[in-house]
């Protein structure tokens, strides 16, 4: 499809009207990137990307990564604490990749929710093998 330069304006205008403006489109994307913390079927808290960025950030080395050798984000423990989780024996992390179940001993200070360049969340960590990383995390389910 070929648009004349003056034919592009109506298309862009229509897109902005549907979304409600540029800021609303961005907000729509962000709302799709919520990370929910659940326990016994009850939602303890939902975190937006900005709320996750507001938690203390740590950097961990990930030499097993094919890309960035250092990842940054809040620790899984700090997210659970901020959600009010008190006793966690197991944690299932759900997202685009197969869900991973972690034991309490695996939830260390080197296990983080990396905030990616795409504004999504990835479970990663120094001691976590790549095949257990979870991209586009949507939920942390306590004691599934």
Protein backbone atom coordinates (compact mmCIF):
# COMPACT_ATOMS: atom_id res chain seq x y z
CA UNK A 1 0.00 0.00 0.00
CA UNK A 2 1.40 3.38 -0.97
CA UNK A 3 0.29 6.55 0.77
CA UNK A 4 0.82 10.04 -0.51
CA UNK A 5 2.50 12.29 2.08
CA UNK A 6 -0.78 14.10 2.75
CA UNK A 7 -2.59 10.73 2.97
CA UNK A 8 -0.62 9.72 6.06
CA UNK A 9 -2.10 12.39 8.33
CA UNK A 10 -5.62 10.91 8.42
CA UNK A 11 -4.18 7.47 9.24
CA UNK A 12 -2.06 8.81 12.11
CA UNK A 13 -4.96 10.93 13.37
CA UNK A 14 -7.28 7.93 13.37
CA UNK A 15 -4.74 5.85 15.32
CA UNK A 16 -4.35 8.58 17.93
CA UNK A 17 -8.12 8.95 18.28
CA UNK A 18 -8.55 5.21 18.84
CA UNK A 19 -5.80 5.15 21.47
CA UNK A 20 -6.75 8.46 23.04
CA UNK A 21 -3.41 10.09 22.31
CA UNK A 22 0.24 9.15 22.51
CA UNK A 23 0.32 8.97 26.33
CA UNK A 24 -2.74 6.73 26.44
CA UNK A 25 -1.14 4.31 23.97
CA UNK A 26 1.93 4.07 26.18
CA UNK A 27 -0.25 3.52 29.24
CA UNK A 28 -2.07 0.72 27.45
CA UNK A 29 1.26 -1.01 26.84
CA UNK A 30 2.35 -0.56 30.46
CA UNK A 31 -0.91 -1.93 31.84
CA UNK A 32 -0.33 -5.10 29.84
CA UNK A 33 3.02 -5.53 31.62
CA UNK A 34 1.73 -5.98 35.16
CA UNK A 35 3.35 -8.55 37.42
CA UNK A 36 0.84 -10.08 39.82
CA UNK A 37 1.84 -11.64 43.16
CA UNK A 38 -0.67 -14.31 44.22
CA UNK A 39 -1.09 -16.55 47.24
CA UNK A 40 -3.85 -19.17 47.62
CA UNK A 41 -5.73 -17.73 44.64
CA UNK A 42 -5.74 -14.22 46.13
CA UNK A 43 -3.87 -11.33 44.52
CA UNK A 44 -1.60 -9.73 47.10
CA UNK A 45 -0.45 -6.95 44.78
CA UNK A 46 0.09 -6.04 41.13
CA UNK A 47 3.23 -4.19 40.08
CA UNK A 48 3.63 -2.01 37.01
CA UNK A 49 7.02 -1.60 35.37
CA UNK A 50 7.37 1.81 37.04
CA UNK A 51 6.57 0.36 40.47
CA UNK A 52 9.18 -2.36 39.94
CA UNK A 53 11.68 0.33 38.96
CA UNK A 54 10.84 2.10 42.23
CA UNK A 55 12.02 -0.87 44.28
CA UNK A 56 15.73 -1.13 45.17
CA UNK A 57 17.63 -2.16 42.04
CA UNK A 58 20.54 -4.59 42.02
CA UNK A 59 22.89 -5.69 39.30
CA UNK A 60 23.83 -9.34 38.95
CA UNK A 61 26.34 -11.00 36.68
CA UNK A 62 24.85 -13.43 34.19
CA UNK A 63 27.79 -15.00 32.35
CA UNK A 64 25.41 -17.62 30.95
CA UNK A 65 23.58 -14.92 28.97
CA UNK A 66 24.04 -14.71 25.21
CA UNK A 67 23.45 -10.97 25.49
CA UNK A 68 24.03 -8.67 28.45
CA UNK A 69 26.47 -10.10 30.97
CA UNK A 70 24.95 -7.93 33.71
CA UNK A 71 21.20 -7.72 34.38
CA UNK A 72 19.45 -5.17 36.59
CA UNK A 73 16.19 -5.09 38.50
CA UNK A 74 14.62 -5.70 41.89
CA UNK A 75 15.32 -8.97 43.66
CA UNK A 76 12.47 -11.46 43.66
CA UNK A 77 12.64 -11.32 47.47
CA UNK A 78 12.12 -7.53 47.51
CA UNK A 79 9.08 -7.87 45.22
CA UNK A 80 7.60 -10.54 47.50
CA UNK A 81 8.30 -8.38 50.56
CA UNK A 82 6.67 -5.33 48.93
CA UNK A 83 3.61 -7.48 48.18
CA UNK A 84 3.35 -8.48 51.83
CA UNK A 85 4.29 -12.13 51.38
CA UNK A 86 5.50 -13.51 54.68
CA UNK A 87 6.35 -17.19 54.32
CA UNK A 88 7.34 -18.60 50.95
CA UNK A 89 8.38 -22.23 50.63
CA UNK A 90 7.91 -22.47 46.85
CA UNK A 91 7.34 -19.90 44.13
CA UNK A 92 6.07 -20.46 40.60
CA UNK A 93 7.10 -17.80 38.10
CA UNK A 94 4.76 -17.57 35.10
CA UNK A 95 5.33 -15.80 31.82
CA UNK A 96 5.89 -16.40 28.12
CA UNK A 97 8.36 -19.24 28.71
CA UNK A 98 7.48 -22.42 30.62
CA UNK A 99 6.70 -21.62 34.26
CA UNK A 100 9.49 -22.30 36.74
CA UNK A 101 8.99 -23.40 40.34
CA UNK A 102 11.66 -22.22 42.75
CA UNK A 103 12.34 -23.40 46.29
CA UNK A 104 12.84 -20.96 49.15
CA UNK A 105 16.59 -21.63 49.07
CA UNK A 106 16.74 -20.55 45.40
CA UNK A 107 15.22 -17.13 46.17
CA UNK A 108 18.54 -15.43 46.84
CA UNK A 109 19.80 -11.87 46.53
CA UNK A 110 21.10 -12.83 43.08
CA UNK A 111 17.69 -13.80 41.69
CA UNK A 112 16.06 -10.78 40.07
CA UNK A 113 13.27 -9.56 37.85
CA UNK A 114 15.25 -7.86 35.10
CA UNK A 115 13.43 -4.98 33.41
CA UNK A 116 14.22 -5.38 29.73
CA UNK A 117 14.67 -2.85 26.95
CA UNK A 118 11.18 -3.83 25.76
CA UNK A 119 9.71 -2.80 29.15
CA UNK A 120 8.96 -6.39 30.06
CA UNK A 121 10.14 -8.40 33.04
CA UNK A 122 12.48 -11.40 32.93
CA UNK A 123 13.34 -13.82 35.73
CA UNK A 124 17.11 -14.23 35.74
CA UNK A 125 19.98 -14.66 38.14
CA UNK A 126 23.62 -15.49 38.61
CA UNK A 127 22.98 -19.12 39.62
CA UNK A 128 19.87 -19.67 37.47
CA UNK A 129 20.60 -21.60 34.25
CA UNK A 130 19.34 -19.94 31.05
CA UNK A 131 16.85 -22.74 30.45
CA UNK A 132 15.07 -21.68 33.67
CA UNK A 133 14.83 -17.99 32.81
CA UNK A 134 11.27 -16.78 32.25
CA UNK A 135 10.63 -13.94 29.82
CA UNK A 136 7.62 -11.61 29.96
CA UNK A 137 6.81 -12.53 33.57
CA UNK A 138 3.13 -12.06 34.45
CA UNK A 139 2.77 -13.73 37.86
CA UNK A 140 4.62 -14.85 40.96
CA UNK A 141 2.49 -17.56 42.57
CA UNK A 142 3.41 -18.36 46.18
CA UNK A 143 3.26 -22.00 47.30
CA UNK A 144 1.39 -23.26 44.22
